[in-house]
Amino acid sequence: MRVGMGLIKNEYGVYHVRRKVPKALEVATARAMGVPKERVSWLKETLGTKDEKQARVLAKPVMMKFDRILAQAEALLVEHPVRTELTEAEIKQIADYFYAHQLGMDEELREEGIGSDPVFANVHRQLAEAGIEFETPFDVGEHSGSGGARTR
């Protein structure tokens, strides 16, 4: 039994929201939803209530969800040109971003001061094995075998 726009009551008296998917979006809607079916012709969801007033309130967010799904399906149909080349400016921008990211990761490691950097731990171990006294603000822990090292 149809009650309102997209709101229907099944044979058990439970309300559902249903919306017809435009024919051109049926395949894309299935992809957007990640369902195993090849195409989806109807979007349908139960509201889990037999109360019409509550169903009208619950139907609005479900219809908004259906709108989002259909918008995602439409976005899947938009053609995106495939690029096979980058400009020099784009290459520089990518390199700059990567360099900044690496510097940030290095700075984060140094700020944490945990000595988890394998190179730092190896140098620490070598200095300790050679009996060279040195000071480091970092706690290297098990990474070094801290022979005669002096840490503060």
Protein backbone atom coordinates (compact mmCIF):
# COMPACT_ATOMS: atom_id res chain seq x y z
CA MET A 1 0.00 0.00 0.00
CA ARG A 2 1.43 3.36 -1.06
CA VAL A 3 1.27 6.00 1.68
CA GLY A 4 3.39 8.90 0.48
CA MET A 5 6.17 9.75 -1.92
CA GLY A 6 8.39 6.68 -1.81
CA LEU A 7 6.79 5.44 1.43
CA ILE A 8 5.03 2.09 1.14
CA LYS A 9 3.54 -0.41 3.58
CA ASN A 10 4.16 -4.11 3.00
CA GLU A 11 1.70 -6.95 3.59
CA TYR A 12 2.77 -7.15 7.26
CA GLY A 13 2.11 -3.46 7.91
CA VAL A 14 5.82 -2.48 8.05
CA TYR A 15 6.81 0.69 6.23
CA HIS A 16 9.54 0.82 3.57
CA VAL A 17 11.07 3.56 1.49
CA ARG A 18 11.41 2.83 -2.19
CA ARG A 19 12.76 4.84 -5.09
CA LYS A 20 13.02 3.98 -8.78
CA VAL A 21 16.51 4.22 -10.23
CA PRO A 22 16.58 5.92 -13.65
CA LYS A 23 17.31 3.38 -16.39
CA ALA A 24 20.55 5.14 -17.37
CA LEU A 25 21.89 4.83 -13.79
CA GLU A 26 20.99 1.22 -13.02
CA VAL A 27 24.44 -0.27 -13.73
CA ALA A 28 26.32 2.65 -12.16
CA THR A 29 24.10 2.46 -9.06
CA ALA A 30 25.02 -1.19 -8.57
CA ARG A 31 28.71 -0.22 -8.78
CA ALA A 32 28.24 2.75 -6.42
CA MET A 33 26.53 0.51 -3.86
CA GLY A 34 29.11 -2.27 -4.26
CA VAL A 35 26.46 -4.96 -4.74
CA PRO A 36 27.14 -8.15 -6.69
CA LYS A 37 24.15 -7.57 -8.98
CA GLU A 38 24.83 -6.19 -12.44
CA ARG A 39 22.10 -3.53 -12.15
CA VAL A 40 19.84 -2.05 -9.49
CA SER A 41 16.44 -0.81 -10.64
CA TRP A 42 14.95 0.05 -7.23
CA LEU A 43 16.46 1.42 -4.04
CA LYS A 44 14.52 0.02 -1.10
CA GLU A 45 15.03 0.08 2.65
CA THR A 46 12.80 -0.96 5.52
CA LEU A 47 12.00 1.56 8.22
CA GLY A 48 11.24 -1.16 10.76
CA THR A 49 8.05 0.47 12.04
CA LYS A 50 4.33 0.06 11.63
CA ASP A 51 3.59 3.60 12.83
CA GLU A 52 2.88 5.93 9.89
CA LYS A 53 3.90 9.11 11.73
CA GLN A 54 7.26 7.62 12.75
CA ALA A 55 7.73 6.22 9.23
CA ARG A 56 7.31 9.70 7.71
CA VAL A 57 10.05 11.02 10.01
CA LEU A 58 12.40 8.06 9.36
CA ALA A 59 11.84 8.21 5.59
CA LYS A 60 13.53 11.60 5.11
CA PRO A 61 17.12 10.54 5.97
CA VAL A 62 16.69 7.36 3.91
CA MET A 63 15.59 9.39 0.89
CA MET A 64 18.66 11.63 1.41
CA LYS A 65 20.81 8.48 1.44
CA PHE A 66 19.20 7.41 -1.83
CA ASP A 67 19.98 10.85 -3.29
CA ARG A 68 23.67 10.41 -2.32
CA ILE A 69 23.79 6.95 -3.92
CA LEU A 70 22.29 8.28 -7.16
CA ALA A 71 24.71 11.23 -7.14
CA GLN A 72 27.62 8.79 -6.75
CA ALA A 73 26.24 6.74 -9.64
CA GLU A 74 26.04 9.86 -11.81
CA ALA A 75 29.64 10.72 -10.88
CA LEU A 76 30.74 7.27 -12.04
CA LEU A 77 29.32 8.00 -15.48
CA VAL A 78 31.35 11.19 -15.92
CA GLU A 79 34.29 10.52 -18.18
CA HIS A 80 37.70 11.33 -16.77
CA PRO A 81 40.39 11.80 -19.39
CA VAL A 82 43.44 9.60 -18.97
CA ARG A 83 46.67 11.55 -18.70
CA THR A 84 49.88 9.98 -19.88
CA GLU A 85 52.23 12.92 -19.30
CA LEU A 86 52.97 15.46 -16.58
CA THR A 87 54.17 19.01 -17.03
CA GLU A 88 57.47 20.13 -15.52
CA ALA A 89 55.53 22.22 -12.99
CA GLU A 90 53.50 19.17 -11.90
CA ILE A 91 56.64 17.05 -11.57
CA LYS A 92 58.26 19.76 -9.46
CA GLN A 93 55.14 20.04 -7.30
CA ILE A 94 55.08 16.27 -6.71
CA ALA A 95 58.79 16.25 -5.87
CA ASP A 96 58.37 19.20 -3.49
CA TYR A 97 55.45 17.50 -1.77
CA PHE A 98 57.41 14.25 -1.39
CA TYR A 99 60.46 16.10 -0.05
CA ALA A 100 58.32 18.03 2.47
CA HIS A 101 56.65 14.79 3.54
CA GLN A 102 60.01 13.09 4.09
CA LEU A 103 61.29 16.09 6.07
CA GLY A 104 58.16 15.99 8.19
CA MET A 105 58.59 12.29 8.89
CA ASP A 106 62.24 12.86 9.83
CA GLU A 107 61.31 15.73 12.13
CA GLU A 108 58.61 13.64 13.77
CA LEU A 109 61.11 10.86 14.41
CA ARG A 110 63.59 13.31 15.89
CA GLU A 111 60.94 14.94 18.10
CA GLU A 112 59.76 11.60 19.45
CA GLY A 113 63.33 10.80 20.47
CA ILE A 114 62.72 7.08 20.66
CA GLY A 115 65.77 6.07 18.66
CA SER A 116 63.75 3.74 16.48
CA ASP A 117 65.61 4.91 13.41
CA PRO A 118 67.76 1.90 12.40
CA VAL A 119 70.64 4.14 11.25
CA PHE A 120 70.72 5.98 14.59
CA ALA A 121 70.55 2.69 16.50
CA ASN A 122 73.38 1.24 14.40
CA VAL A 123 75.64 4.26 14.97
CA HIS A 124 74.82 4.11 18.67
CA ARG A 125 75.78 0.42 18.78
CA GLN A 126 79.02 0.98 16.86
CA LEU A 127 80.13 3.81 19.14
CA ALA A 128 79.29 1.76 22.23
CA GLU A 129 81.20 -1.28 20.91
CA ALA A 130 84.22 0.89 20.14
CA GLY A 131 84.18 2.13 23.76
CA ILE A 132 83.64 5.74 22.70
CA GLU A 133 81.82 7.79 25.30
CA PHE A 134 79.08 9.98 23.93
CA GLU A 135 75.91 11.69 25.01
CA THR A 136 72.53 11.48 23.36
CA PRO A 137 69.19 12.83 24.46
CA PHE A 138 67.53 9.77 22.94
CA ASP A 139 66.78 6.49 24.67
CA VAL A 140 67.87 3.81 22.23
CA GLY A 141 66.95 0.89 24.50
CA GLU A 142 67.45 -2.60 23.07
CA HIS A 143 68.51 -1.36 19.63
CA SER A 144 72.10 -0.67 20.63
CA GLY A 145 73.62 -3.03 23.19
CA SER A 146 74.76 0.10 25.02
CA GLY A 147 78.28 -1.01 26.06
CA GLY A 148 80.12 2.03 27.47
CA ALA A 149 77.71 4.62 26.21
CA ARG A 150 76.63 7.40 28.48
CA THR A 151 73.15 8.70 27.85
CA ARG A 152 71.50 11.56 29.60
